[in-house]
Amino acid sequence: MIGEARLELHFPSCHSLKEKRGILKRFLAHVRQTYGVAIAEIDDQDKWQMAVVQVAAVGNERAHLHRIITKVIDDADRPGEMILTNSEIFV
C-alpha cells in the first residue's frame, strides 16, 4: 500500500532562490531522516517564495500510512520559515 501527499509551501521571508532552497533542503533532509519517507520538490522550482512537494510512504496498514503522512504535514508548517498553504493526502 502507498500513501502520498502533496504539499504547497510558501516562504514569506525568502528573497532569493538560494534562501528558499536552503530552507527546503533542510526540511526535506529532516523529513527523510525522521519519518523514513520519500520526499521531493515537484513544482515551482523557479519561484523563490513557493514550492510544491510530494511525499510518499510504503506500508501494509492504511492507518499507519495516514499517521506518518499527517505528521509530515504538521511538521511542514514552520512559521517564520515556511507556511503550509495547502495539502492533499492520498492513502
PDB file of N, CA and C in Angstrom:
ATOM      1  N   MET A   1       0.846  -1.167   0.000  1.00  0.00           N
ATOM      2  CA  MET A   1       0.000   0.000   0.000  1.00  0.00           C
ATOM      3  C   MET A   1       0.897   1.237   0.000  1.00  0.00           C
ATOM      4  N   ILE A   2       0.478   2.273  -0.726  1.00  0.00           N
ATOM      5  CA  ILE A   2       1.252   3.501  -0.821  1.00  0.00           C
ATOM      6  C   ILE A   2       0.425   4.670  -0.300  1.00  0.00           C
ATOM      7  N   GLY A   3       1.047   5.501   0.506  1.00  0.00           N
ATOM      8  CA  GLY A   3       0.426   6.736   0.974  1.00  0.00           C
ATOM      9  C   GLY A   3       1.177   7.909   0.381  1.00  0.00           C
ATOM     10  N   GLU A   4       0.450   8.890  -0.089  1.00  0.00           N
ATOM     11  CA  GLU A   4       1.065  10.057  -0.701  1.00  0.00           C
ATOM     12  C   GLU A   4       0.428  11.333  -0.188  1.00  0.00           C
ATOM     13  N   ALA A   5       1.177  12.407  -0.308  1.00  0.00           N
ATOM     14  CA  ALA A   5       0.627  13.730  -0.007  1.00  0.00           C
ATOM     15  C   ALA A   5       1.316  14.758  -0.894  1.00  0.00           C
ATOM     16  N   ARG A   6       0.558  15.764  -1.212  1.00  0.00           N
ATOM     17  CA  ARG A   6       1.081  16.901  -1.988  1.00  0.00           C
ATOM     18  C   ARG A   6       0.958  18.126  -1.087  1.00  0.00           C
ATOM     19  N   LEU A   7       2.070  18.826  -0.880  1.00  0.00           N
ATOM     20  CA  LEU A   7       2.103  19.985  -0.001  1.00  0.00           C
ATOM     21  C   LEU A   7       2.483  21.219  -0.804  1.00  0.00           C
ATOM     22  N   GLU A   8       1.753  22.293  -0.594  1.00  0.00           N
ATOM     23  CA  GLU A   8       2.092  23.579  -1.190  1.00  0.00           C
ATOM     24  C   GLU A   8       2.627  24.461  -0.069  1.00  0.00           C
ATOM     25  N   LEU A   9       3.826  24.968  -0.279  1.00  0.00           N
ATOM     26  CA  LEU A   9       4.520  25.727   0.758  1.00  0.00           C
ATOM     27  C   LEU A   9       4.783  27.157   0.297  1.00  0.00           C
ATOM     28  N   HIS A  10       4.750  28.078   1.255  1.00  0.00           N
ATOM     29  CA  HIS A  10       5.062  29.482   0.996  1.00  0.00           C
ATOM     30  C   HIS A  10       6.219  29.878   1.912  1.00  0.00           C
ATOM     31  N   PHE A  11       7.173  30.625   1.368  1.00  0.00           N
ATOM     32  CA  PHE A  11       8.361  31.058   2.093  1.00  0.00           C
ATOM     33  C   PHE A  11       8.343  32.588   2.181  1.00  0.00           C
ATOM     34  N   PRO A  12       7.637  33.148   3.169  1.00  0.00           N
ATOM     35  CA  PRO A  12       7.422  34.594   3.202  1.00  0.00           C
ATOM     36  C   PRO A  12       8.686  35.423   3.415  1.00  0.00           C
ATOM     37  N   SER A  13       9.681  34.882   4.080  1.00  0.00           N
ATOM     38  CA  SER A  13      10.874  35.670   4.392  1.00  0.00           C
ATOM     39  C   SER A  13      11.981  35.525   3.348  1.00  0.00           C
ATOM     40  N   CYS A  14      11.783  34.701   2.340  1.00  0.00           N
ATOM     41  CA  CYS A  14      12.821  34.475   1.325  1.00  0.00           C
ATOM     42  C   CYS A  14      12.813  35.572   0.275  1.00  0.00           C
ATOM     43  N   HIS A  15      14.016  35.966  -0.109  1.00  0.00           N
ATOM     44  CA  HIS A  15      14.170  36.992  -1.133  1.00  0.00           C
ATOM     45  C   HIS A  15      14.991  36.498  -2.309  1.00  0.00           C
ATOM     46  N   SER A  16      15.287  35.196  -2.323  1.00  0.00           N
ATOM     47  CA  SER A  16      16.034  34.625  -3.441  1.00  0.00           C
ATOM     48  C   SER A  16      15.794  33.120  -3.495  1.00  0.00           C
ATOM     49  N   LEU A  17      16.104  32.533  -4.639  1.00  0.00           N
ATOM     50  CA  LEU A  17      16.008  31.076  -4.778  1.00  0.00           C
ATOM     51  C   LEU A  17      16.981  30.383  -3.841  1.00  0.00           C
ATOM     52  N   LYS A  18      18.144  30.981  -3.652  1.00  0.00           N
ATOM     53  CA  LYS A  18      19.156  30.388  -2.776  1.00  0.00           C
ATOM     54  C   LYS A  18      18.630  30.245  -1.343  1.00  0.00           C
ATOM     55  N   GLU A  19      17.958  31.274  -0.841  1.00  0.00           N
ATOM     56  CA  GLU A  19      17.375  31.207   0.504  1.00  0.00           C
ATOM     57  C   GLU A  19      16.323  30.103   0.581  1.00  0.00           C
ATOM     58  N   LYS A  20      15.414  30.093  -0.403  1.00  0.00           N
ATOM     59  CA  LYS A  20      14.348  29.082  -0.421  1.00  0.00           C
ATOM     60  C   LYS A  20      14.927  27.687  -0.463  1.00  0.00           C
ATOM     61  N   ARG A  21      15.893  27.467  -1.340  1.00  0.00           N
ATOM     62  CA  ARG A  21      16.470  26.133  -1.481  1.00  0.00           C
ATOM     63  C   ARG A  21      17.186  25.677  -0.223  1.00  0.00           C
ATOM     64  N   GLY A  22      17.801  26.599   0.505  1.00  0.00           N
ATOM     65  CA  GLY A  22      18.453  26.240   1.767  1.00  0.00           C
ATOM     66  C   GLY A  22      17.453  25.752   2.800  1.00  0.00           C
ATOM     67  N   ILE A  23      16.366  26.506   2.961  1.00  0.00           N
ATOM     68  CA  ILE A  23      15.321  26.114   3.919  1.00  0.00           C
ATOM     69  C   ILE A  23      14.684  24.796   3.489  1.00  0.00           C
ATOM     70  N   LEU A  24      14.354  24.683   2.208  1.00  0.00           N
ATOM     71  CA  LEU A  24      13.690  23.483   1.706  1.00  0.00           C
ATOM     72  C   LEU A  24      14.597  22.254   1.814  1.00  0.00           C
ATOM     73  N   LYS A  25      15.867  22.419   1.512  1.00  0.00           N
ATOM     74  CA  LYS A  25      16.818  21.302   1.595  1.00  0.00           C
ATOM     75  C   LYS A  25      16.901  20.763   3.020  1.00  0.00           C
ATOM     76  N   ARG A  26      16.966  21.658   4.010  1.00  0.00           N
ATOM     77  CA  ARG A  26      16.995  21.214   5.417  1.00  0.00           C
ATOM     78  C   ARG A  26      15.711  20.491   5.793  1.00  0.00           C
ATOM     79  N   PHE A  27      14.569  21.021   5.349  1.00  0.00           N
ATOM     80  CA  PHE A  27      13.281  20.396   5.653  1.00  0.00           C
ATOM     81  C   PHE A  27      13.182  19.005   5.024  1.00  0.00           C
ATOM     82  N   LEU A  28      13.547  18.875   3.744  1.00  0.00           N
ATOM     83  CA  LEU A  28      13.468  17.577   3.060  1.00  0.00           C
ATOM     84  C   LEU A  28      14.365  16.547   3.736  1.00  0.00           C
ATOM     85  N   ALA A  29      15.581  16.943   4.115  1.00  0.00           N
ATOM     86  CA  ALA A  29      16.503  16.020   4.794  1.00  0.00           C
ATOM     87  C   ALA A  29      15.940  15.604   6.151  1.00  0.00           C
ATOM     88  N   HIS A  30      15.365  16.552   6.882  1.00  0.00           N
ATOM     89  CA  HIS A  30      14.763  16.254   8.188  1.00  0.00           C
ATOM     90  C   HIS A  30      13.625  15.247   8.051  1.00  0.00           C
ATOM     91  N   VAL A  31      12.758  15.456   7.068  1.00  0.00           N
ATOM     92  CA  VAL A  31      11.607  14.563   6.864  1.00  0.00           C
ATOM     93  C   VAL A  31      12.077  13.161   6.483  1.00  0.00           C
ATOM     94  N   ARG A  32      13.040  13.070   5.567  1.00  0.00           N
ATOM     95  CA  ARG A  32      13.562  11.749   5.165  1.00  0.00           C
ATOM     96  C   ARG A  32      14.126  11.001   6.371  1.00  0.00           C
ATOM     97  N   GLN A  33      14.924  11.697   7.163  1.00  0.00           N
ATOM     98  CA  GLN A  33      15.586  11.061   8.306  1.00  0.00           C
ATOM     99  C   GLN A  33      14.602  10.720   9.426  1.00  0.00           C
ATOM    100  N   THR A  34      13.676  11.610   9.705  1.00  0.00           N
ATOM    101  CA  THR A  34      12.750  11.419  10.823  1.00  0.00           C
ATOM    102  C   THR A  34      11.655  10.406  10.531  1.00  0.00           C
ATOM    103  N   TYR A  35      11.076  10.470   9.335  1.00  0.00           N
ATOM    104  CA  TYR A  35       9.902   9.660   9.033  1.00  0.00           C
ATOM    105  C   TYR A  35      10.157   8.516   8.062  1.00  0.00           C
ATOM    106  N   GLY A  36      11.326   8.462   7.437  1.00  0.00           N
ATOM    107  CA  GLY A  36      11.647   7.373   6.515  1.00  0.00           C
ATOM    108  C   GLY A  36      10.769   7.334   5.280  1.00  0.00           C
ATOM    109  N   VAL A  37      10.424   8.499   4.757  1.00  0.00           N
ATOM    110  CA  VAL A  37       9.578   8.591   3.571  1.00  0.00           C
ATOM    111  C   VAL A  37      10.389   9.179   2.419  1.00  0.00           C
ATOM    112  N   ALA A  38       9.855   9.042   1.222  1.00  0.00           N
ATOM    113  CA  ALA A  38      10.435   9.707   0.059  1.00  0.00           C
ATOM    114  C   ALA A  38       9.770  11.068  -0.065  1.00  0.00           C
ATOM    115  N   ILE A  39      10.569  12.100  -0.354  1.00  0.00           N
ATOM    116  CA  ILE A  39      10.026  13.446  -0.470  1.00  0.00           C
ATOM    117  C   ILE A  39      10.875  14.234  -1.463  1.00  0.00           C
ATOM    118  N   ALA A  40      10.203  15.019  -2.299  1.00  0.00           N
ATOM    119  CA  ALA A  40      10.915  15.811  -3.304  1.00  0.00           C
ATOM    120  C   ALA A  40      10.081  17.011  -3.714  1.00  0.00           C
ATOM    121  N   GLU A  41      10.772  18.059  -4.139  1.00  0.00           N
ATOM    122  CA  GLU A  41      10.105  19.218  -4.716  1.00  0.00           C
ATOM    123  C   GLU A  41       9.710  18.856  -6.144  1.00  0.00           C
ATOM    124  N   ILE A  42       8.434  19.025  -6.480  1.00  0.00           N
ATOM    125  CA  ILE A  42       7.967  18.589  -7.797  1.00  0.00           C
ATOM    126  C   ILE A  42       7.478  19.726  -8.687  1.00  0.00           C
ATOM    127  N   ASP A  43       7.318  20.927  -8.125  1.00  0.00           N
ATOM    128  CA  ASP A  43       6.823  22.041  -8.936  1.00  0.00           C
ATOM    129  C   ASP A  43       7.244  23.358  -8.296  1.00  0.00           C
ATOM    130  N   ASP A  44       7.176  24.415  -9.068  1.00  0.00           N
ATOM    131  CA  ASP A  44       7.528  25.770  -8.635  1.00  0.00           C
ATOM    132  C   ASP A  44       8.995  25.893  -8.224  1.00  0.00           C
ATOM    133  N   GLN A  45       9.864  25.123  -8.848  1.00  0.00           N
ATOM    134  CA  GLN A  45      11.287  25.155  -8.507  1.00  0.00           C
ATOM    135  C   GLN A  45      11.909  26.527  -8.752  1.00  0.00           C
ATOM    136  N   ASP A  46      11.390  27.290  -9.707  1.00  0.00           N
ATOM    137  CA  ASP A  46      11.977  28.585 -10.044  1.00  0.00           C
ATOM    138  C   ASP A  46      11.294  29.771  -9.367  1.00  0.00           C
ATOM    139  N   LYS A  47      10.373  29.495  -8.467  1.00  0.00           N
ATOM    140  CA  LYS A  47       9.710  30.565  -7.721  1.00  0.00           C
ATOM    141  C   LYS A  47      10.352  30.655  -6.337  1.00  0.00           C
ATOM    142  N   TRP A  48      10.792  31.830  -5.962  1.00  0.00           N
ATOM    143  CA  TRP A  48      11.558  31.956  -4.737  1.00  0.00           C
ATOM    144  C   TRP A  48      10.735  32.038  -3.459  1.00  0.00           C
ATOM    145  N   GLN A  49       9.431  32.099  -3.557  1.00  0.00           N
ATOM    146  CA  GLN A  49       8.612  32.088  -2.346  1.00  0.00           C
ATOM    147  C   GLN A  49       7.595  30.957  -2.314  1.00  0.00           C
ATOM    148  N   MET A  50       7.692  30.027  -3.265  1.00  0.00           N
ATOM    149  CA  MET A  50       6.724  28.930  -3.311  1.00  0.00           C
ATOM    150  C   MET A  50       7.425  27.619  -3.656  1.00  0.00           C
ATOM    151  N   ALA A  51       6.824  26.517  -3.204  1.00  0.00           N
ATOM    152  CA  ALA A  51       7.299  25.182  -3.579  1.00  0.00           C
ATOM    153  C   ALA A  51       6.136  24.212  -3.461  1.00  0.00           C
ATOM    154  N   VAL A  52       6.150  23.204  -4.321  1.00  0.00           N
ATOM    155  CA  VAL A  52       5.191  22.110  -4.229  1.00  0.00           C
ATOM    156  C   VAL A  52       6.014  20.847  -3.993  1.00  0.00           C
ATOM    157  N   VAL A  53       5.664  20.125  -2.945  1.00  0.00           N
ATOM    158  CA  VAL A  53       6.420  18.956  -2.510  1.00  0.00           C
ATOM    159  C   VAL A  53       5.508  17.737  -2.513  1.00  0.00           C
ATOM    160  N   GLN A  54       6.043  16.607  -2.941  1.00  0.00           N
ATOM    161  CA  GLN A  54       5.305  15.335  -2.923  1.00  0.00           C
ATOM    162  C   GLN A  54       5.979  14.412  -1.908  1.00  0.00           C
ATOM    163  N   VAL A  55       5.181  13.755  -1.091  1.00  0.00           N
ATOM    164  CA  VAL A  55       5.652  12.807  -0.083  1.00  0.00           C
ATOM    165  C   VAL A  55       5.057  11.439  -0.401  1.00  0.00           C
ATOM    166  N   ALA A  56       5.863  10.384  -0.274  1.00  0.00           N
ATOM    167  CA  ALA A  56       5.361   9.022  -0.495  1.00  0.00           C
ATOM    168  C   ALA A  56       5.904   8.098   0.586  1.00  0.00           C
ATOM    169  N   ALA A  57       5.035   7.218   1.065  1.00  0.00           N
ATOM    170  CA  ALA A  57       5.404   6.221   2.067  1.00  0.00           C
ATOM    171  C   ALA A  57       4.789   4.882   1.675  1.00  0.00           C
ATOM    172  N   VAL A  58       5.480   3.827   2.019  1.00  0.00           N
ATOM    173  CA  VAL A  58       5.004   2.480   1.709  1.00  0.00           C
ATOM    174  C   VAL A  58       4.814   1.724   3.019  1.00  0.00           C
ATOM    175  N   GLY A  59       3.704   0.998   3.129  1.00  0.00           N
ATOM    176  CA  GLY A  59       3.438   0.220   4.329  1.00  0.00           C
ATOM    177  C   GLY A  59       2.294  -0.745   4.090  1.00  0.00           C
ATOM    178  N   ASN A  60       1.979  -1.523   5.125  1.00  0.00           N
ATOM    179  CA  ASN A  60       0.921  -2.511   4.956  1.00  0.00           C
ATOM    180  C   ASN A  60      -0.385  -2.138   5.662  1.00  0.00           C
ATOM    181  N   GLU A  61      -0.418  -0.978   6.346  1.00  0.00           N
ATOM    182  CA  GLU A  61      -1.638  -0.550   7.029  1.00  0.00           C
ATOM    183  C   GLU A  61      -1.990   0.878   6.646  1.00  0.00           C
ATOM    184  N   ARG A  62      -3.186   1.072   6.196  1.00  0.00           N
ATOM    185  CA  ARG A  62      -3.656   2.400   5.786  1.00  0.00           C
ATOM    186  C   ARG A  62      -3.570   3.408   6.941  1.00  0.00           C
ATOM    187  N   ALA A  63      -3.953   3.000   8.141  1.00  0.00           N
ATOM    188  CA  ALA A  63      -3.943   3.908   9.288  1.00  0.00           C
ATOM    189  C   ALA A  63      -2.523   4.370   9.618  1.00  0.00           C
ATOM    190  N   HIS A  64      -1.564   3.461   9.544  1.00  0.00           N
ATOM    191  CA  HIS A  64      -0.166   3.807   9.818  1.00  0.00           C
ATOM    192  C   HIS A  64       0.353   4.816   8.789  1.00  0.00           C
ATOM    193  N   LEU A  65       0.057   4.571   7.515  1.00  0.00           N
ATOM    194  CA  LEU A  65       0.486   5.492   6.464  1.00  0.00           C
ATOM    195  C   LEU A  65      -0.134   6.870   6.665  1.00  0.00           C
ATOM    196  N   HIS A  66      -1.405   6.898   7.022  1.00  0.00           N
ATOM    197  CA  HIS A  66      -2.086   8.170   7.241  1.00  0.00           C
ATOM    198  C   HIS A  66      -1.445   8.934   8.401  1.00  0.00           C
ATOM    199  N   ARG A  67      -1.077   8.235   9.483  1.00  0.00           N
ATOM    200  CA  ARG A  67      -0.426   8.876  10.627  1.00  0.00           C
ATOM    201  C   ARG A  67       0.917   9.490  10.224  1.00  0.00           C
ATOM    202  N   ILE A  68       1.719   8.742   9.488  1.00  0.00           N
ATOM    203  CA  ILE A  68       3.035   9.238   9.070  1.00  0.00           C
ATOM    204  C   ILE A  68       2.885  10.471   8.178  1.00  0.00           C
ATOM    205  N   ILE A  69       2.023  10.374   7.182  1.00  0.00           N
ATOM    206  CA  ILE A  69       1.812  11.489   6.264  1.00  0.00           C
ATOM    207  C   ILE A  69       1.300  12.710   7.020  1.00  0.00           C
ATOM    208  N   THR A  70       0.394  12.513   7.967  1.00  0.00           N
ATOM    209  CA  THR A  70      -0.136  13.616   8.764  1.00  0.00           C
ATOM    210  C   THR A  70       0.958  14.277   9.591  1.00  0.00           C
ATOM    211  N   LYS A  71       1.873  13.495  10.144  1.00  0.00           N
ATOM    212  CA  LYS A  71       2.992  14.061  10.906  1.00  0.00           C
ATOM    213  C   LYS A  71       3.888  14.911  10.013  1.00  0.00           C
ATOM    214  N   VAL A  72       4.134  14.445   8.805  1.00  0.00           N
ATOM    215  CA  VAL A  72       4.949  15.227   7.861  1.00  0.00           C
ATOM    216  C   VAL A  72       4.260  16.549   7.564  1.00  0.00           C
ATOM    217  N   ILE A  73       2.964  16.506   7.331  1.00  0.00           N
ATOM    218  CA  ILE A  73       2.206  17.725   7.039  1.00  0.00           C
ATOM    219  C   ILE A  73       2.254  18.683   8.227  1.00  0.00           C
ATOM    220  N   ASP A  74       2.070  18.167   9.433  1.00  0.00           N
ATOM    221  CA  ASP A  74       2.149  19.009  10.629  1.00  0.00           C
ATOM    222  C   ASP A  74       3.523  19.649  10.766  1.00  0.00           C
ATOM    223  N   ASP A  75       4.558  18.895  10.411  1.00  0.00           N
ATOM    224  CA  ASP A  75       5.937  19.373  10.509  1.00  0.00           C
ATOM    225  C   ASP A  75       6.258  20.435   9.461  1.00  0.00           C
ATOM    226  N   ALA A  76       5.468  20.496   8.398  1.00  0.00           N
ATOM    227  CA  ALA A  76       5.751  21.426   7.298  1.00  0.00           C
ATOM    228  C   ALA A  76       5.381  22.866   7.630  1.00  0.00           C
ATOM    229  N   ASP A  77       4.513  23.080   8.574  1.00  0.00           N
ATOM    230  CA  ASP A  77       4.103  24.437   8.923  1.00  0.00           C
ATOM    231  C   ASP A  77       5.067  24.986   9.960  1.00  0.00           C
ATOM    232  N   ARG A  78       6.008  25.807   9.505  1.00  0.00           N
ATOM    233  CA  ARG A  78       7.044  26.367  10.373  1.00  0.00           C
ATOM    234  C   ARG A  78       7.015  27.890  10.263  1.00  0.00           C
ATOM    235  N   PRO A  79       6.192  28.539  11.083  1.00  0.00           N
ATOM    236  CA  PRO A  79       6.089  29.998  10.997  1.00  0.00           C
ATOM    237  C   PRO A  79       7.474  30.657  11.074  1.00  0.00           C
ATOM    238  N   GLY A  80       7.657  31.647  10.220  1.00  0.00           N
ATOM    239  CA  GLY A  80       8.951  32.315  10.153  1.00  0.00           C
ATOM    240  C   GLY A  80       9.821  31.776   9.038  1.00  0.00           C
ATOM    241  N   GLU A  81       9.710  30.483   8.743  1.00  0.00           N
ATOM    242  CA  GLU A  81      10.491  29.872   7.667  1.00  0.00           C
ATOM    243  C   GLU A  81       9.613  29.543   6.472  1.00  0.00           C
ATOM    244  N   MET A  82       8.600  28.707   6.724  1.00  0.00           N
ATOM    245  CA  MET A  82       7.693  28.329   5.642  1.00  0.00           C
ATOM    246  C   MET A  82       6.312  28.068   6.214  1.00  0.00           C
ATOM    247  N   ILE A  83       5.330  28.333   5.376  1.00  0.00           N
ATOM    248  CA  ILE A  83       3.935  28.172   5.773  1.00  0.00           C
ATOM    249  C   ILE A  83       3.279  27.180   4.823  1.00  0.00           C
ATOM    250  N   LEU A  84       2.601  26.207   5.397  1.00  0.00           N
ATOM    251  CA  LEU A  84       1.838  25.252   4.605  1.00  0.00           C
ATOM    252  C   LEU A  84       0.559  25.931   4.147  1.00  0.00           C
ATOM    253  N   THR A  85       0.404  26.099   2.829  1.00  0.00           N
ATOM    254  CA  THR A  85      -0.789  26.780   2.320  1.00  0.00           C
ATOM    255  C   THR A  85      -1.870  25.821   1.866  1.00  0.00           C
ATOM    256  N   ASN A  86      -1.472  24.582   1.497  1.00  0.00           N
ATOM    257  CA  ASN A  86      -2.453  23.594   1.056  1.00  0.00           C
ATOM    258  C   ASN A  86      -1.813  22.213   1.140  1.00  0.00           C
ATOM    259  N   SER A  87      -2.631  21.227   1.405  1.00  0.00           N
ATOM    260  CA  SER A  87      -2.145  19.833   1.394  1.00  0.00           C
ATOM    261  C   SER A  87      -3.272  18.890   0.985  1.00  0.00           C
ATOM    262  N   GLU A  88      -2.886  17.830   0.320  1.00  0.00           N
ATOM    263  CA  GLU A  88      -3.818  16.771  -0.075  1.00  0.00           C
ATOM    264  C   GLU A  88      -3.192  15.436   0.298  1.00  0.00           C
ATOM    265  N   ILE A  89      -3.975  14.569   0.896  1.00  0.00           N
ATOM    266  CA  ILE A  89      -3.493  13.229   1.271  1.00  0.00           C
ATOM    267  C   ILE A  89      -4.173  12.194   0.383  1.00  0.00           C
ATOM    268  N   PHE A  90      -3.376  11.254  -0.100  1.00  0.00           N
ATOM    269  CA  PHE A  90      -3.881  10.145  -0.922  1.00  0.00           C
ATOM    270  C   PHE A  90      -3.411   8.845  -0.292  1.00  0.00           C
ATOM    271  N   VAL A  91      -4.282   8.178   0.461  1.00  0.00           N
ATOM    272  CA  VAL A  91      -3.911   6.899   1.091  1.00  0.00           C
ATOM    273  C   VAL A  91      -4.927   5.867   0.676  1.00  0.00           C
TER     274      VAL A  91
END
